[in-house]
Amino acid sequence: MNTPSAGFRGLDHWLVVIDPQHIFASPDSDWASPFFDDAVANIKRLAAAFGDRVLITRWLPTADRDTSWGEYFADWPFADRPPSDPLFDLVPAVRDLSTRPTLDRPTFGKWGPDMEAIVGRGARVVLTGVSTDCCVLSTALTAADAGAYAIIAADACAGSTAENHAAALHVMGLYPPQLTLSDTASILAGDQPG
């Protein structure tokens, strides 16, 4: 892994890369983000500065179908596949960004006891990934409720649409000091809170 860059001062921060999977990248997927490749380019820049403090998550379709997830999968049958389906694999561009196993969850939000056990209680994290208006937003809000500090690297997140990306960023921007908005260049320059 790369060592942190000289400009990055948040050495106690973790980079969390949310769900960089084929299901959100493949043009054949109903959930593909048109901004996925641009976000991944910035995620790679950030990962180079975070060294071994990179955690990648995956969404897997293992939720209990006897709950509201059953109706969800009825609405999105293309995603109702075994978790071993290649659609849920990481895209090649991110596979080597972390030495850690992926953190796999069947929920939109990836924050929880498993993540907190890795990054620490009250952690400082930089959130990136896809989609801004679903899994990134859900992760950010649960992180805030847990008492973490999250910087959302807006240009390292990919929304389902430009409008939905902007709307999600607006909502997350309403939660300081737990949530703050930034971008890749500012984070790498050390111009971030906390």
Protein backbone atom coordinates (compact mmCIF):
# COMPACT_ATOMS: atom_id res chain seq x y z
CA MET A 1 0.00 0.00 0.00
CA ASN A 2 1.06 3.58 -0.53
CA THR A 3 2.06 5.79 2.35
CA PRO A 4 0.01 8.89 3.16
CA SER A 5 0.90 11.95 1.09
CA ALA A 6 2.67 14.85 2.73
CA GLY A 7 -0.34 17.14 2.21
CA PHE A 8 -2.82 14.86 3.95
CA ARG A 9 -2.99 15.68 7.65
CA GLY A 10 -5.92 13.44 8.59
CA LEU A 11 -3.74 10.46 9.42
CA ASP A 12 -6.27 9.28 11.99
CA HIS A 13 -9.03 9.24 9.37
CA TRP A 14 -10.24 6.17 7.50
CA LEU A 15 -11.29 6.12 3.87
CA VAL A 16 -14.54 4.20 3.47
CA VAL A 17 -15.32 3.16 -0.11
CA ILE A 18 -18.99 2.26 -0.29
CA ASP A 19 -20.11 -0.49 -2.68
CA PRO A 20 -17.83 -0.10 -5.74
CA GLN A 21 -19.46 -3.12 -7.36
CA HIS A 22 -20.41 -4.17 -10.86
CA ILE A 23 -24.10 -3.76 -10.05
CA PHE A 24 -23.52 0.00 -9.78
CA ALA A 25 -21.01 0.25 -12.63
CA SER A 26 -22.18 -2.03 -15.44
CA PRO A 27 -24.12 -0.23 -18.19
CA ASP A 28 -26.40 -3.29 -18.29
CA SER A 29 -27.45 -2.81 -14.65
CA ASP A 30 -30.62 -0.95 -13.70
CA TRP A 31 -28.61 0.65 -10.89
CA ALA A 32 -25.61 1.84 -12.89
CA SER A 33 -24.41 5.34 -12.13
CA PRO A 34 -23.25 7.38 -15.12
CA PHE A 35 -20.71 9.02 -12.80
CA PHE A 36 -19.16 5.81 -11.46
CA ASP A 37 -15.85 5.99 -13.38
CA ASP A 38 -15.24 9.62 -12.39
CA ALA A 39 -15.85 8.79 -8.74
CA VAL A 40 -13.51 5.78 -8.88
CA ALA A 41 -10.72 7.94 -10.33
CA ASN A 42 -10.95 10.18 -7.25
CA ILE A 43 -11.34 7.23 -4.88
CA LYS A 44 -8.03 5.87 -6.19
CA ARG A 45 -6.33 9.24 -5.57
CA LEU A 46 -7.64 9.27 -2.01
CA ALA A 47 -6.74 5.65 -1.34
CA ALA A 48 -3.14 6.37 -2.23
CA ALA A 49 -3.07 8.90 0.62
CA PHE A 50 -4.76 6.69 3.21
CA GLY A 51 -2.38 3.75 3.01
CA ASP A 52 -3.67 0.87 5.14
CA ARG A 53 -6.64 2.86 6.45
CA VAL A 54 -8.95 1.98 3.55
CA LEU A 55 -12.13 -0.03 4.08
CA ILE A 56 -14.31 -1.20 1.18
CA THR A 57 -17.91 -2.29 1.59
CA ARG A 58 -20.25 -4.36 -0.53
CA TRP A 59 -24.02 -4.53 -0.64
CA LEU A 60 -25.24 -8.11 -0.80
CA PRO A 61 -28.84 -9.25 -1.41
CA THR A 62 -29.10 -11.34 1.75
CA ALA A 63 -31.79 -9.40 3.62
CA ASP A 64 -34.77 -11.25 5.06
CA ARG A 65 -37.47 -11.42 2.38
CA ASP A 66 -40.15 -11.60 5.11
CA THR A 67 -39.49 -7.91 5.84
CA SER A 68 -39.92 -4.88 3.58
CA TRP A 69 -36.90 -6.20 1.68
CA GLY A 70 -39.19 -8.82 0.15
CA GLU A 71 -41.22 -6.08 -1.55
CA TYR A 72 -38.01 -4.28 -2.46
CA PHE A 73 -36.68 -7.31 -4.31
CA ALA A 74 -40.06 -7.79 -5.97
CA ASP A 75 -39.62 -4.26 -7.37
CA TRP A 76 -35.99 -4.95 -8.39
CA PRO A 77 -35.95 -8.61 -9.48
CA PHE A 78 -32.71 -8.21 -11.46
CA ALA A 79 -30.87 -7.79 -8.12
CA ASP A 80 -32.48 -10.82 -6.48
CA ARG A 81 -29.58 -13.18 -7.11
CA PRO A 82 -27.27 -15.28 -4.97
CA PRO A 83 -24.65 -13.18 -3.19
CA SER A 84 -21.95 -15.07 -5.11
CA ASP A 85 -23.21 -13.66 -8.42
CA PRO A 86 -20.45 -11.68 -10.24
CA LEU A 87 -22.77 -8.66 -10.29
CA PHE A 88 -21.84 -8.13 -6.63
CA ASP A 89 -18.06 -8.36 -7.17
CA LEU A 90 -15.85 -5.31 -6.79
CA VAL A 91 -14.87 -3.59 -10.02
CA PRO A 92 -11.25 -4.34 -10.97
CA ALA A 93 -10.10 -0.73 -10.42
CA VAL A 94 -10.66 -0.94 -6.64
CA ARG A 95 -9.76 -4.54 -5.81
CA ASP A 96 -6.25 -3.68 -4.63
CA LEU A 97 -7.04 -0.47 -2.75
CA SER A 98 -7.37 -2.21 0.62
CA THR A 99 -5.54 -5.07 2.31
CA ARG A 100 -8.63 -5.79 4.40
CA PRO A 101 -11.52 -8.07 3.49
CA THR A 102 -14.61 -6.25 2.29
CA LEU A 103 -17.26 -5.38 4.84
CA ASP A 104 -20.41 -7.00 3.42
CA ARG A 105 -23.88 -5.93 4.57
CA PRO A 106 -27.42 -6.46 3.27
CA THR A 107 -28.41 -2.88 4.17
CA PHE A 108 -28.17 0.49 2.46
CA GLY A 109 -26.21 1.96 5.35
CA LYS A 110 -22.89 0.29 5.99
CA TRP A 111 -22.19 1.84 9.38
CA GLY A 112 -22.70 -0.54 12.25
CA PRO A 113 -20.86 -2.53 14.92
CA ASP A 114 -18.70 -4.33 12.32
CA MET A 115 -17.43 -1.07 10.84
CA GLU A 116 -17.06 0.60 14.21
CA ALA A 117 -14.94 -2.34 15.40
CA ILE A 118 -12.49 -1.55 12.60
CA VAL A 119 -12.45 2.25 12.48
CA GLY A 120 -13.23 2.90 16.15
CA ARG A 121 -16.00 4.54 18.14
CA GLY A 122 -16.35 8.24 17.33
CA ALA A 123 -14.11 7.69 14.32
CA ARG A 124 -13.18 10.22 11.68
CA VAL A 125 -13.90 8.88 8.22
CA VAL A 126 -13.99 10.08 4.65
CA LEU A 127 -16.95 8.60 2.81
CA THR A 128 -16.84 7.84 -0.90
CA GLY A 129 -18.66 5.50 -3.25
CA VAL A 130 -22.04 4.81 -4.73
CA SER A 131 -24.70 5.80 -4.78
CA THR A 132 -24.63 9.19 -3.17
CA ASP A 133 -28.41 9.21 -2.87
CA CYS A 134 -28.74 5.76 -1.31
CA CYS A 135 -25.91 3.84 0.35
CA VAL A 136 -23.59 6.83 0.90
CA LEU A 137 -26.42 8.90 2.39
CA SER A 138 -27.62 6.01 4.57
CA THR A 139 -24.09 5.31 5.79
CA ALA A 140 -23.46 8.97 6.56
CA LEU A 141 -26.64 9.35 8.60
CA THR A 142 -26.04 6.20 10.66
CA ALA A 143 -22.41 7.26 11.21
CA ALA A 144 -23.64 10.63 12.47
CA ASP A 145 -26.10 8.96 14.84
CA ALA A 146 -23.27 6.77 16.15
CA GLY A 147 -21.18 9.84 16.98
CA ALA A 148 -18.66 9.55 14.15
CA TYR A 149 -17.30 12.44 12.11
CA ALA A 150 -17.69 11.91 8.38
CA ILE A 151 -16.33 13.99 5.55
CA ILE A 152 -18.18 13.28 2.33
CA ALA A 153 -15.82 13.54 -0.65
CA ALA A 154 -18.46 14.77 -3.08
CA ASP A 155 -16.45 14.19 -6.26
CA ALA A 156 -15.56 10.67 -5.11
CA CYS A 157 -19.24 9.74 -4.84
CA ALA A 158 -21.50 8.75 -7.72
CA GLY A 159 -25.21 9.46 -7.67
CA SER A 160 -27.96 7.78 -9.63
CA THR A 161 -28.48 11.10 -11.42
CA ALA A 162 -26.84 14.52 -11.16
CA GLU A 163 -29.98 15.87 -9.48
CA ASN A 164 -30.14 13.05 -6.94
CA HIS A 165 -26.42 13.42 -6.20
CA ALA A 166 -26.91 17.15 -5.52
CA ALA A 167 -30.00 16.51 -3.37
CA ALA A 168 -28.19 13.93 -1.24
CA LEU A 169 -25.22 16.25 -0.75
CA HIS A 170 -27.62 19.01 0.29
CA VAL A 171 -29.19 16.75 2.92
CA MET A 172 -25.82 15.58 4.27
CA GLY A 173 -24.69 19.20 4.41
CA LEU A 174 -27.41 19.84 7.01
CA TYR A 175 -25.65 17.71 9.64
CA PRO A 176 -22.55 19.53 10.87
CA PRO A 177 -20.42 18.86 12.82
CA GLN A 178 -20.97 15.14 12.33
CA LEU A 179 -21.15 15.42 8.52
CA THR A 180 -19.23 17.85 6.35
CA LEU A 181 -18.84 18.15 2.60
CA SER A 182 -15.52 18.38 0.81
CA ASP A 183 -13.77 17.22 -2.35
CA THR A 184 -10.75 15.13 -3.24
CA ALA A 185 -8.31 18.01 -3.79
CA SER A 186 -9.22 19.71 -0.50
CA ILE A 187 -8.92 16.48 1.46
CA LEU A 188 -5.53 15.67 -0.06
CA ALA A 189 -4.37 19.21 0.68
CA GLY A 190 -5.36 18.79 4.33
CA ASP A 191 -8.12 21.39 4.08
CA GLN A 192 -10.73 19.42 5.96
CA PRO A 193 -12.33 19.74 9.39
CA GLY A 194 -11.32 17.56 12.28
